[in-house]
Structure formats: structure tokens, C-alpha cells
Amino acid sequence: MRLFVALQLSAEVRATFAALLGELRRTDSKPRWVQPENLHITLKFIGHVADEKLPPIYNALAAIPVPPPIAIEFHGLGFFPNVRRPTVVWAGLQLLPELAALAGRIDNALAVCGVPHEPRPFAAHLTLARLKETRLSDALRAQIENAQGRSFGNQTVRDFHLIESKLKSTGAEYTTLRSFPFTAEGINQ
């Protein structure tokens, strides 16, 4: 099974991004736009694991000290790796130390289960689209660049989730396998 750890979006934030995705899709339908129900903030991509590794992964994630609820603000749009050769369109969010620390604790806990450490620094974002061609239409590029300072709302997260991803011809299908609530006495490391 193919797994990742993520934060879910509130219904309000998801609706805001659904409207945005509609606007962007009307401008250019070529990118593979993410379905609004699949939007999430990835904390750790695990990849393919054998079924027998699932219990140790559950235990490792359940043992992670987590912070108190985290308030997240979504703002701006951009490209990975850069505007000249984009392969991903993303929405940004304020990178809070608590969020980066949580991603680091998840990465360290899963390393004990044989999941390789993430070699890149944590970059909090929502993937909105993947591009096969790195040439964007001028209209889409301008629309995204004009939204760099745009706010898309905020939410408070109170749990993280282990999610299975099944890749299908119609797109990815996600199933939450287990949720891990933040504790009231969480830590701020």
C-alpha cells in the first residue's frame, strides 16, 4: 500500500480552494488539477509499504509528542521548482515552527520503521496541480502571479492522519486509515 501522513483541510478552506481551482481550470485545463476533496498538507510521504509494516507505523505515529492545536493561514500561489520550469502549482501557508517540528518528529518516528528520512527541508504547501509540460499559458501564469499575496483563509488543525493513496486512471483515491489527535498538553519543540 502507498501511504502518507497529512493534515486535512476544514470544510471552509476546502470550499475556498474548490472555487479557486474552478477559476484556474477555466483559465487553463491542461495541468492536472487536484480534486478539491483530495487537497491536504503533506507532512511525510511514506511510499509503498508491505501490510505487515502497518502496525509498527501506527505505533510510531501514536507515540509522537504533538503540539497543541495549530492555527494555519493560507496565502499566495507559486510554482515548484520555479516559475521558469514549473512542475507543480501550489498554495502557500504560513510556516509555523510547530508545524515544521511536527513534520520533523513524524519523519524521525517513521525512520525507526525503516522509512527513509526526508532529504529536503519541510516546505508547507497545498499542491493544486501537476504539470506535464513546463510551459504555462500566459493567462494562467499571470493569474497565479497576481495571486501571490492573496489570502485563502485560515483554520486550526487538531489532528494528523495516516492516509492510503490508490492511484487510478481517474486520479488518486485517498482513504484515511487512522487519525492521531493533538493532545491538550502537547509540546512546542
N, C-alpha and C. Protein backbone atom coordinates (compact mmCIF):
# COMPACT_ATOMS: atom_id res chain seq x y z
N MET A 1 0.83 -1.18 0.00
CA MET A 1 0.00 0.00 0.00
C MET A 1 0.88 1.25 0.00
N ARG A 2 0.34 2.32 -0.57
CA ARG A 2 1.07 3.59 -0.71
C ARG A 2 0.52 4.56 0.33
N LEU A 3 1.40 5.08 1.21
CA LEU A 3 0.95 5.85 2.36
C LEU A 3 1.61 7.22 2.46
N PHE A 4 0.91 8.13 3.15
CA PHE A 4 1.50 9.40 3.52
C PHE A 4 0.80 9.90 4.78
N VAL A 5 1.43 10.86 5.45
CA VAL A 5 0.88 11.48 6.65
C VAL A 5 0.54 12.92 6.30
N ALA A 6 -0.66 13.37 6.70
CA ALA A 6 -1.09 14.70 6.27
C ALA A 6 -2.04 15.35 7.26
N LEU A 7 -2.24 16.64 7.04
CA LEU A 7 -3.27 17.41 7.73
C LEU A 7 -4.42 17.60 6.74
N GLN A 8 -5.65 17.50 7.24
CA GLN A 8 -6.83 17.70 6.41
C GLN A 8 -7.23 19.17 6.45
N LEU A 9 -7.97 19.60 5.44
CA LEU A 9 -8.48 20.97 5.40
C LEU A 9 -9.87 21.04 6.01
N SER A 10 -10.18 22.18 6.60
CA SER A 10 -11.54 22.41 7.10
C SER A 10 -12.47 22.54 5.89
N ALA A 11 -13.75 22.36 6.12
CA ALA A 11 -14.74 22.48 5.03
C ALA A 11 -14.70 23.88 4.43
N GLU A 12 -14.52 24.89 5.26
CA GLU A 12 -14.49 26.28 4.77
C GLU A 12 -13.29 26.53 3.87
N VAL A 13 -12.11 26.11 4.29
CA VAL A 13 -10.90 26.30 3.49
C VAL A 13 -10.99 25.47 2.21
N ARG A 14 -11.49 24.25 2.32
CA ARG A 14 -11.63 23.39 1.13
C ARG A 14 -12.56 24.05 0.10
N ALA A 15 -13.66 24.67 0.56
CA ALA A 15 -14.60 25.34 -0.34
C ALA A 15 -13.92 26.53 -1.04
N THR A 16 -13.10 27.27 -0.30
CA THR A 16 -12.37 28.39 -0.90
C THR A 16 -11.44 27.89 -2.00
N PHE A 17 -10.72 26.81 -1.73
CA PHE A 17 -9.82 26.27 -2.75
C PHE A 17 -10.57 25.61 -3.90
N ALA A 18 -11.73 25.05 -3.64
CA ALA A 18 -12.54 24.49 -4.73
C ALA A 18 -12.92 25.59 -5.71
N ALA A 19 -13.31 26.75 -5.18
CA ALA A 19 -13.66 27.89 -6.05
C ALA A 19 -12.43 28.36 -6.82
N LEU A 20 -11.28 28.44 -6.15
CA LEU A 20 -10.05 28.85 -6.81
C LEU A 20 -9.68 27.87 -7.92
N LEU A 21 -9.76 26.58 -7.63
CA LEU A 21 -9.42 25.57 -8.64
C LEU A 21 -10.34 25.70 -9.86
N GLY A 22 -11.60 26.01 -9.62
CA GLY A 22 -12.53 26.24 -10.73
C GLY A 22 -12.08 27.41 -11.59
N GLU A 23 -11.66 28.49 -10.95
CA GLU A 23 -11.16 29.67 -11.69
C GLU A 23 -9.93 29.31 -12.52
N LEU A 24 -8.99 28.62 -11.89
CA LEU A 24 -7.74 28.28 -12.57
C LEU A 24 -7.98 27.29 -13.71
N ARG A 25 -8.85 26.33 -13.49
CA ARG A 25 -9.16 25.33 -14.51
C ARG A 25 -9.82 25.98 -15.73
N ARG A 26 -10.67 26.99 -15.49
CA ARG A 26 -11.30 27.71 -16.62
C ARG A 26 -10.26 28.48 -17.42
N THR A 27 -9.20 28.93 -16.77
CA THR A 27 -8.14 29.66 -17.47
C THR A 27 -7.29 28.70 -18.30
N ASP A 28 -6.99 27.51 -17.74
CA ASP A 28 -6.14 26.55 -18.45
C ASP A 28 -6.46 25.14 -17.94
N SER A 29 -6.97 24.30 -18.80
CA SER A 29 -7.36 22.95 -18.39
C SER A 29 -6.24 21.93 -18.57
N LYS A 30 -5.09 22.34 -19.11
CA LYS A 30 -4.01 21.39 -19.38
C LYS A 30 -3.36 20.80 -18.12
N PRO A 31 -3.09 21.61 -17.09
CA PRO A 31 -2.49 21.00 -15.88
C PRO A 31 -3.43 19.94 -15.28
N ARG A 32 -2.85 19.00 -14.57
CA ARG A 32 -3.66 18.00 -13.84
C ARG A 32 -4.03 18.63 -12.50
N TRP A 33 -5.20 19.25 -12.46
CA TRP A 33 -5.67 19.94 -11.26
C TRP A 33 -6.12 18.92 -10.22
N VAL A 34 -5.76 19.15 -8.97
CA VAL A 34 -6.15 18.26 -7.87
C VAL A 34 -7.64 18.46 -7.60
N GLN A 35 -8.34 17.37 -7.35
CA GLN A 35 -9.74 17.45 -6.98
C GLN A 35 -9.83 18.06 -5.57
N PRO A 36 -10.77 18.97 -5.33
CA PRO A 36 -10.85 19.63 -4.02
C PRO A 36 -10.91 18.65 -2.83
N GLU A 37 -11.57 17.51 -3.00
CA GLU A 37 -11.66 16.55 -1.89
C GLU A 37 -10.32 15.90 -1.58
N ASN A 38 -9.35 16.01 -2.48
CA ASN A 38 -8.03 15.42 -2.26
C ASN A 38 -7.00 16.41 -1.74
N LEU A 39 -7.36 17.67 -1.54
CA LEU A 39 -6.41 18.65 -1.03
C LEU A 39 -6.03 18.32 0.40
N HIS A 40 -4.75 18.44 0.71
CA HIS A 40 -4.24 18.17 2.06
C HIS A 40 -2.85 18.79 2.17
N ILE A 41 -2.35 18.85 3.39
CA ILE A 41 -0.99 19.32 3.65
C ILE A 41 -0.17 18.08 4.01
N THR A 42 0.73 17.69 3.13
CA THR A 42 1.55 16.50 3.39
C THR A 42 2.61 16.83 4.43
N LEU A 43 2.66 16.02 5.47
CA LEU A 43 3.70 16.15 6.48
C LEU A 43 4.85 15.17 6.21
N LYS A 44 4.50 14.01 5.61
CA LYS A 44 5.52 13.00 5.30
C LYS A 44 4.97 12.03 4.26
N PHE A 45 5.66 11.90 3.13
CA PHE A 45 5.32 10.88 2.17
C PHE A 45 6.07 9.62 2.56
N ILE A 46 5.35 8.54 2.77
CA ILE A 46 5.96 7.28 3.19
C ILE A 46 6.30 6.41 1.98
N GLY A 47 5.37 6.33 1.04
CA GLY A 47 5.58 5.50 -0.14
C GLY A 47 4.95 4.12 0.05
N HIS A 48 5.41 3.17 -0.74
CA HIS A 48 4.86 1.82 -0.71
C HIS A 48 5.42 1.05 0.47
N VAL A 49 4.54 0.43 1.24
CA VAL A 49 4.95 -0.42 2.36
C VAL A 49 4.13 -1.70 2.34
N ALA A 50 4.72 -2.76 2.86
CA ALA A 50 4.02 -4.04 2.98
C ALA A 50 3.00 -3.95 4.11
N ASP A 51 1.94 -4.71 4.00
CA ASP A 51 0.87 -4.69 5.01
C ASP A 51 1.38 -4.95 6.42
N GLU A 52 2.37 -5.82 6.55
CA GLU A 52 2.87 -6.15 7.89
C GLU A 52 3.60 -4.98 8.56
N LYS A 53 3.97 -3.95 7.79
CA LYS A 53 4.62 -2.77 8.38
C LYS A 53 3.61 -1.78 8.95
N LEU A 54 2.33 -1.99 8.67
CA LEU A 54 1.32 -1.04 9.12
C LEU A 54 1.23 -0.94 10.65
N PRO A 55 1.16 -2.04 11.43
CA PRO A 55 1.10 -1.89 12.89
C PRO A 55 2.28 -1.11 13.48
N PRO A 56 3.53 -1.36 13.06
CA PRO A 56 4.62 -0.54 13.61
C PRO A 56 4.49 0.95 13.23
N ILE A 57 3.97 1.23 12.05
CA ILE A 57 3.77 2.62 11.63
C ILE A 57 2.71 3.26 12.51
N TYR A 58 1.61 2.56 12.75
CA TYR A 58 0.56 3.08 13.65
C TYR A 58 1.17 3.40 15.02
N ASN A 59 1.94 2.45 15.56
CA ASN A 59 2.52 2.64 16.90
C ASN A 59 3.49 3.81 16.93
N ALA A 60 4.31 3.94 15.89
CA ALA A 60 5.28 5.04 15.85
C ALA A 60 4.56 6.38 15.80
N LEU A 61 3.51 6.48 14.99
CA LEU A 61 2.78 7.75 14.88
C LEU A 61 2.01 8.07 16.16
N ALA A 62 1.47 7.04 16.81
CA ALA A 62 0.71 7.25 18.04
C ALA A 62 1.61 7.73 19.18
N ALA A 63 2.90 7.41 19.12
CA ALA A 63 3.83 7.77 20.20
C ALA A 63 4.44 9.16 20.03
N ILE A 64 4.15 9.84 18.94
CA ILE A 64 4.75 11.15 18.68
C ILE A 64 4.18 12.21 19.61
N PRO A 65 5.04 12.95 20.30
CA PRO A 65 4.54 14.09 21.06
C PRO A 65 4.06 15.16 20.07
N VAL A 66 2.86 15.60 20.25
CA VAL A 66 2.30 16.57 19.30
C VAL A 66 2.04 17.89 20.00
N PRO A 67 1.95 18.95 19.21
CA PRO A 67 1.73 20.28 19.78
C PRO A 67 0.26 20.49 20.13
N PRO A 68 -0.03 21.59 20.81
CA PRO A 68 -1.43 21.99 20.94
C PRO A 68 -1.96 22.31 19.54
N PRO A 69 -3.25 22.53 19.39
CA PRO A 69 -3.78 22.87 18.07
C PRO A 69 -2.97 24.00 17.41
N ILE A 70 -2.84 23.90 16.08
CA ILE A 70 -2.01 24.84 15.32
C ILE A 70 -2.90 25.65 14.40
N ALA A 71 -2.81 26.98 14.49
CA ALA A 71 -3.55 27.86 13.59
C ALA A 71 -2.72 28.06 12.33
N ILE A 72 -3.35 27.81 11.18
CA ILE A 72 -2.67 27.90 9.89
C ILE A 72 -3.37 28.95 9.03
N GLU A 73 -2.57 29.80 8.38
CA GLU A 73 -3.10 30.79 7.44
C GLU A 73 -2.62 30.43 6.04
N PHE A 74 -3.55 30.35 5.10
CA PHE A 74 -3.24 30.02 3.71
C PHE A 74 -3.16 31.30 2.90
N HIS A 75 -2.09 31.45 2.13
CA HIS A 75 -1.95 32.65 1.31
C HIS A 75 -0.95 32.43 0.18
N GLY A 76 -1.24 33.05 -0.94
CA GLY A 76 -0.32 33.06 -2.07
C GLY A 76 -0.31 31.79 -2.89
N LEU A 77 0.11 31.93 -4.14
CA LEU A 77 0.29 30.81 -5.05
C LEU A 77 1.70 30.86 -5.60
N GLY A 78 2.21 29.73 -6.02
CA GLY A 78 3.55 29.69 -6.58
C GLY A 78 3.80 28.41 -7.35
N PHE A 79 5.08 28.19 -7.71
CA PHE A 79 5.47 27.06 -8.54
C PHE A 79 6.66 26.33 -7.91
N PHE A 80 6.70 25.03 -8.07
CA PHE A 80 7.91 24.23 -7.81
C PHE A 80 8.38 23.72 -9.15
N PRO A 81 9.64 23.63 -9.45
CA PRO A 81 10.73 24.15 -8.65
C PRO A 81 10.88 25.67 -8.78
N ASN A 82 10.39 26.24 -9.92
CA ASN A 82 10.48 27.69 -10.08
C ASN A 82 9.52 28.13 -11.18
N VAL A 83 9.40 29.42 -11.36
CA VAL A 83 8.44 29.98 -12.32
C VAL A 83 8.86 29.71 -13.77
N ARG A 84 10.14 29.52 -14.02
CA ARG A 84 10.60 29.28 -15.41
C ARG A 84 10.31 27.87 -15.89
N ARG A 85 10.35 26.89 -15.01
CA ARG A 85 10.11 25.49 -15.39
C ARG A 85 9.22 24.82 -14.35
N PRO A 86 8.00 25.27 -14.24
CA PRO A 86 7.12 24.75 -13.18
C PRO A 86 6.66 23.31 -13.45
N THR A 87 6.67 22.51 -12.41
CA THR A 87 6.10 21.16 -12.49
C THR A 87 4.93 21.02 -11.52
N VAL A 88 4.83 21.94 -10.56
CA VAL A 88 3.75 21.93 -9.56
C VAL A 88 3.27 23.36 -9.35
N VAL A 89 1.95 23.52 -9.25
CA VAL A 89 1.35 24.78 -8.81
C VAL A 89 0.92 24.55 -7.37
N TRP A 90 1.29 25.45 -6.47
CA TRP A 90 0.97 25.27 -5.06
C TRP A 90 0.35 26.53 -4.46
N ALA A 91 -0.37 26.29 -3.35
CA ALA A 91 -0.85 27.38 -2.50
C ALA A 91 0.00 27.34 -1.25
N GLY A 92 0.40 28.51 -0.79
CA GLY A 92 1.27 28.59 0.37
C GLY A 92 0.52 28.65 1.67
N LEU A 93 1.25 28.40 2.72
CA LEU A 93 0.72 28.61 4.06
C LEU A 93 1.86 29.05 4.95
N GLN A 94 1.48 29.76 5.96
CA GLN A 94 2.47 30.28 6.89
C GLN A 94 3.22 29.11 7.51
N LEU A 95 4.53 29.13 7.42
CA LEU A 95 5.33 28.05 8.01
C LEU A 95 5.56 28.37 9.48
N LEU A 96 4.86 27.65 10.31
CA LEU A 96 4.98 27.83 11.75
C LEU A 96 6.01 26.87 12.30
N PRO A 97 6.77 27.27 13.30
CA PRO A 97 7.75 26.36 13.90
C PRO A 97 7.10 25.07 14.40
N GLU A 98 5.87 25.17 14.93
CA GLU A 98 5.19 23.97 15.45
C GLU A 98 4.89 22.97 14.34
N LEU A 99 4.55 23.49 13.16
CA LEU A 99 4.23 22.61 12.04
C LEU A 99 5.49 21.93 11.51
N ALA A 100 6.55 22.69 11.37
CA ALA A 100 7.83 22.11 10.93
C ALA A 100 8.35 21.10 11.95
N ALA A 101 8.18 21.40 13.23
CA ALA A 101 8.63 20.48 14.28
C ALA A 101 7.82 19.18 14.24
N LEU A 102 6.51 19.30 14.01
CA LEU A 102 5.67 18.10 13.91
C LEU A 102 6.12 17.24 12.73
N ALA A 103 6.36 17.86 11.57
CA ALA A 103 6.83 17.11 10.40
C ALA A 103 8.16 16.42 10.72
N GLY A 104 9.04 17.10 11.43
CA GLY A 104 10.32 16.50 11.82
C GLY A 104 10.15 15.32 12.76
N ARG A 105 9.25 15.45 13.73
CA ARG A 105 9.01 14.34 14.66
C ARG A 105 8.41 13.13 13.93
N ILE A 106 7.52 13.39 12.97
CA ILE A 106 6.95 12.29 12.18
C ILE A 106 8.04 11.62 11.36
N ASP A 107 8.89 12.41 10.73
CA ASP A 107 10.00 11.87 9.93
C ASP A 107 10.90 10.99 10.79
N ASN A 108 11.27 11.48 11.97
CA ASN A 108 12.15 10.71 12.87
C ASN A 108 11.48 9.44 13.38
N ALA A 109 10.20 9.53 13.73
CA ALA A 109 9.50 8.35 14.25
C ALA A 109 9.38 7.26 13.19
N LEU A 110 9.13 7.65 11.96
CA LEU A 110 8.97 6.66 10.89
C LEU A 110 10.29 6.08 10.44
N ALA A 111 11.40 6.78 10.68
CA ALA A 111 12.71 6.23 10.33
C ALA A 111 12.97 4.94 11.11
N VAL A 112 12.45 4.85 12.33
CA VAL A 112 12.60 3.65 13.14
C VAL A 112 11.88 2.46 12.48
N CYS A 113 10.87 2.75 11.67
CA CYS A 113 10.11 1.72 10.96
C CYS A 113 10.71 1.41 9.59
N GLY A 114 11.86 2.00 9.30
CA GLY A 114 12.51 1.74 8.02
C GLY A 114 12.13 2.69 6.91
N VAL A 115 11.38 3.75 7.22
CA VAL A 115 11.02 4.74 6.21
C VAL A 115 12.18 5.74 6.12
N PRO A 116 12.75 5.94 4.94
CA PRO A 116 13.90 6.85 4.82
C PRO A 116 13.55 8.27 5.25
N HIS A 117 14.54 8.94 5.85
CA HIS A 117 14.38 10.35 6.21
C HIS A 117 14.15 11.18 4.96
N GLU A 118 13.39 12.25 5.13
CA GLU A 118 13.15 13.20 4.04
C GLU A 118 14.43 14.02 3.85
N PRO A 119 15.02 14.00 2.65
CA PRO A 119 16.28 14.72 2.45
C PRO A 119 16.11 16.24 2.32
N ARG A 120 14.91 16.69 1.94
CA ARG A 120 14.68 18.13 1.75
C ARG A 120 14.05 18.74 2.99
N PRO A 121 14.28 20.03 3.20
CA PRO A 121 13.61 20.70 4.32
C PRO A 121 12.10 20.71 4.09
N PHE A 122 11.34 20.71 5.18
CA PHE A 122 9.88 20.73 5.10
C PHE A 122 9.42 22.02 4.45
N ALA A 123 8.58 21.92 3.42
CA ALA A 123 8.03 23.08 2.72
C ALA A 123 6.51 22.95 2.76
N ALA A 124 5.89 23.61 3.71
CA ALA A 124 4.44 23.53 3.89
C ALA A 124 3.73 24.16 2.69
N HIS A 125 2.84 23.39 2.06
CA HIS A 125 2.11 23.87 0.89
C HIS A 125 0.93 22.94 0.59
N LEU A 126 0.04 23.41 -0.27
CA LEU A 126 -1.03 22.59 -0.84
C LEU A 126 -0.72 22.43 -2.32
N THR A 127 -0.60 21.23 -2.80
CA THR A 127 -0.42 21.02 -4.23
C THR A 127 -1.77 21.22 -4.91
N LEU A 128 -1.82 22.15 -5.86
CA LEU A 128 -3.05 22.42 -6.60
C LEU A 128 -3.05 21.75 -7.96
N ALA A 129 -1.88 21.60 -8.58
CA ALA A 129 -1.80 20.98 -9.91
C ALA A 129 -0.40 20.46 -10.16
N ARG A 130 -0.34 19.46 -11.03
CA ARG A 130 0.93 18.95 -11.54
C ARG A 130 0.94 19.20 -13.04
N LEU A 131 2.10 19.56 -13.55
CA LEU A 131 2.20 19.90 -14.96
C LEU A 131 3.11 18.92 -15.69
N LYS A 132 2.61 18.38 -16.79
CA LYS A 132 3.45 17.53 -17.63
C LYS A 132 4.37 18.40 -18.47
N GLU A 133 3.82 19.48 -18.99
CA GLU A 133 4.61 20.44 -19.76
C GLU A 133 4.98 21.59 -18.82
N THR A 134 6.20 22.05 -18.91
CA THR A 134 6.61 23.13 -18.02
C THR A 134 6.31 24.50 -18.62
N ARG A 135 5.61 24.54 -19.73
CA ARG A 135 5.20 25.82 -20.32
C ARG A 135 3.75 26.08 -19.94
N LEU A 136 3.54 27.14 -19.21
CA LEU A 136 2.19 27.54 -18.83
C LEU A 136 1.64 28.53 -19.85
N SER A 137 0.32 28.56 -19.94
CA SER A 137 -0.27 29.61 -20.76
C SER A 137 0.03 30.96 -20.09
N ASP A 138 0.14 31.99 -20.90
CA ASP A 138 0.40 33.32 -20.34
C ASP A 138 -0.69 33.75 -19.38
N ALA A 139 -1.94 33.39 -19.71
CA ALA A 139 -3.07 33.78 -18.86
C ALA A 139 -2.99 33.11 -17.50
N LEU A 140 -2.65 31.81 -17.46
CA LEU A 140 -2.54 31.11 -16.17
C LEU A 140 -1.36 31.63 -15.37
N ARG A 141 -0.24 31.83 -16.02
CA ARG A 141 0.95 32.35 -15.32
C ARG A 141 0.62 33.70 -14.67
N ALA A 142 -0.05 34.58 -15.41
CA ALA A 142 -0.40 35.90 -14.89
C ALA A 142 -1.39 35.78 -13.74
N GLN A 143 -2.35 34.88 -13.86
CA GLN A 143 -3.35 34.70 -12.80
C GLN A 143 -2.69 34.22 -11.51
N ILE A 144 -1.76 33.28 -11.63
CA ILE A 144 -1.07 32.76 -10.45
C ILE A 144 -0.15 33.82 -9.85
N GLU A 145 0.58 34.53 -10.70
CA GLU A 145 1.48 35.57 -10.19
C GLU A 145 0.71 36.70 -9.52
N ASN A 146 -0.48 37.02 -10.02
CA ASN A 146 -1.31 38.06 -9.40
C ASN A 146 -1.90 37.63 -8.06
N ALA A 147 -1.91 36.34 -7.78
CA ALA A 147 -2.48 35.83 -6.53
C ALA A 147 -1.41 35.57 -5.47
N GLN A 148 -0.18 36.01 -5.70
CA GLN A 148 0.89 35.73 -4.73
C GLN A 148 0.60 36.30 -3.35
N GLY A 149 -0.10 37.41 -3.26
CA GLY A 149 -0.41 37.99 -1.97
C GLY A 149 -1.82 37.71 -1.49
N ARG A 150 -2.57 36.93 -2.23
CA ARG A 150 -3.98 36.66 -1.92
C ARG A 150 -4.13 35.72 -0.72
N SER A 151 -5.08 36.03 0.15
CA SER A 151 -5.36 35.18 1.32
C SER A 151 -6.46 34.19 0.96
N PHE A 152 -6.32 32.95 1.44
CA PHE A 152 -7.30 31.91 1.18
C PHE A 152 -7.94 31.38 2.46
N GLY A 153 -7.79 32.11 3.55
CA GLY A 153 -8.44 31.73 4.79
C GLY A 153 -7.49 31.11 5.78
N ASN A 154 -8.06 30.69 6.90
CA ASN A 154 -7.27 30.05 7.94
C ASN A 154 -8.10 28.99 8.64
N GLN A 155 -7.40 28.14 9.37
CA GLN A 155 -8.06 27.08 10.13
C GLN A 155 -7.13 26.66 11.26
N THR A 156 -7.69 25.97 12.21
CA THR A 156 -6.90 25.39 13.29
C THR A 156 -6.93 23.88 13.13
N VAL A 157 -5.75 23.27 13.10
CA VAL A 157 -5.68 21.81 12.98
C VAL A 157 -5.49 21.21 14.36
N ARG A 158 -6.17 20.09 14.57
CA ARG A 158 -6.16 19.43 15.87
C ARG A 158 -5.77 17.96 15.79
N ASP A 159 -5.42 17.50 14.57
CA ASP A 159 -5.01 16.12 14.40
C ASP A 159 -4.28 15.95 13.09
N PHE A 160 -3.55 14.83 12.96
CA PHE A 160 -2.94 14.48 11.68
C PHE A 160 -3.40 13.07 11.34
N HIS A 161 -3.18 12.67 10.08
CA HIS A 161 -3.80 11.44 9.58
C HIS A 161 -2.81 10.61 8.77
N LEU A 162 -2.92 9.29 8.91
CA LEU A 162 -2.22 8.35 8.05
C LEU A 162 -3.20 8.00 6.93
N ILE A 163 -2.78 8.24 5.69
CA ILE A 163 -3.67 8.12 4.54
C ILE A 163 -3.08 7.16 3.52
N GLU A 164 -3.95 6.30 2.99
CA GLU A 164 -3.56 5.42 1.89
C GLU A 164 -3.95 6.10 0.59
N SER A 165 -3.07 6.02 -0.39
CA SER A 165 -3.31 6.60 -1.71
C SER A 165 -3.34 5.48 -2.74
N LYS A 166 -4.46 5.36 -3.44
CA LYS A 166 -4.56 4.40 -4.54
C LYS A 166 -4.60 5.21 -5.83
N LEU A 167 -3.61 4.96 -6.69
CA LEU A 167 -3.53 5.68 -7.96
C LEU A 167 -4.41 4.97 -8.98
N LYS A 168 -5.33 5.73 -9.56
CA LYS A 168 -6.25 5.18 -10.55
C LYS A 168 -6.20 6.05 -11.80
N SER A 169 -6.73 5.55 -12.88
CA SER A 169 -6.72 6.32 -14.14
C SER A 169 -7.53 7.60 -14.01
N THR A 170 -8.49 7.62 -13.09
CA THR A 170 -9.32 8.81 -12.87
C THR A 170 -8.70 9.76 -11.86
N GLY A 171 -7.55 9.41 -11.30
CA GLY A 171 -6.89 10.24 -10.30
C GLY A 171 -6.68 9.45 -9.02
N ALA A 172 -6.05 10.08 -8.06
CA ALA A 172 -5.77 9.42 -6.79
C ALA A 172 -7.04 9.30 -5.96
N GLU A 173 -7.13 8.19 -5.24
CA GLU A 173 -8.23 7.98 -4.29
C GLU A 173 -7.61 7.81 -2.92
N TYR A 174 -8.03 8.65 -1.96
CA TYR A 174 -7.43 8.65 -0.62
C TYR A 174 -8.39 8.04 0.40
N THR A 175 -7.82 7.26 1.31
CA THR A 175 -8.57 6.68 2.41
C THR A 175 -7.80 6.93 3.70
N THR A 176 -8.45 7.58 4.66
CA THR A 176 -7.80 7.80 5.96
C THR A 176 -7.83 6.48 6.73
N LEU A 177 -6.64 5.98 7.07
CA LEU A 177 -6.53 4.72 7.81
C LEU A 177 -6.63 4.94 9.31
N ARG A 178 -6.04 6.04 9.78
CA ARG A 178 -6.08 6.34 11.21
C ARG A 178 -5.80 7.81 11.42
N SER A 179 -6.45 8.39 12.43
CA SER A 179 -6.23 9.79 12.81
C SER A 179 -5.54 9.83 14.16
N PHE A 180 -4.70 10.84 14.34
CA PHE A 180 -3.92 11.00 15.57
C PHE A 180 -4.18 12.40 16.12
N PRO A 181 -5.06 12.50 17.13
CA PRO A 181 -5.40 13.84 17.66
C PRO A 181 -4.24 14.44 18.46
N PHE A 182 -4.19 15.78 18.39
CA PHE A 182 -3.23 16.51 19.22
C PHE A 182 -3.75 16.45 20.66
N THR A 183 -2.83 16.41 21.57
CA THR A 183 -3.22 16.39 22.98
C THR A 183 -3.26 17.81 23.51
N ALA A 184 -4.06 18.03 24.52
CA ALA A 184 -4.19 19.35 25.13
C ALA A 184 -2.87 19.81 25.73
N GLU A 185 -2.06 18.86 26.19
CA GLU A 185 -0.81 19.25 26.82
C GLU A 185 0.39 19.04 25.90
N GLY A 186 0.15 19.15 24.60
CA GLY A 186 1.21 18.97 23.61
C GLY A 186 2.41 19.87 23.87
N ILE A 187 3.48 19.62 23.16
CA ILE A 187 4.70 20.38 23.37
C ILE A 187 4.98 21.29 22.19
N ASN A 188 5.80 22.27 22.38
CA ASN A 188 6.18 23.21 21.32
C ASN A 188 7.68 23.11 21.08
N GLN A 189 8.11 22.08 20.40
CA GLN A 189 9.54 21.94 20.11
C GLN A 189 9.81 22.30 18.68
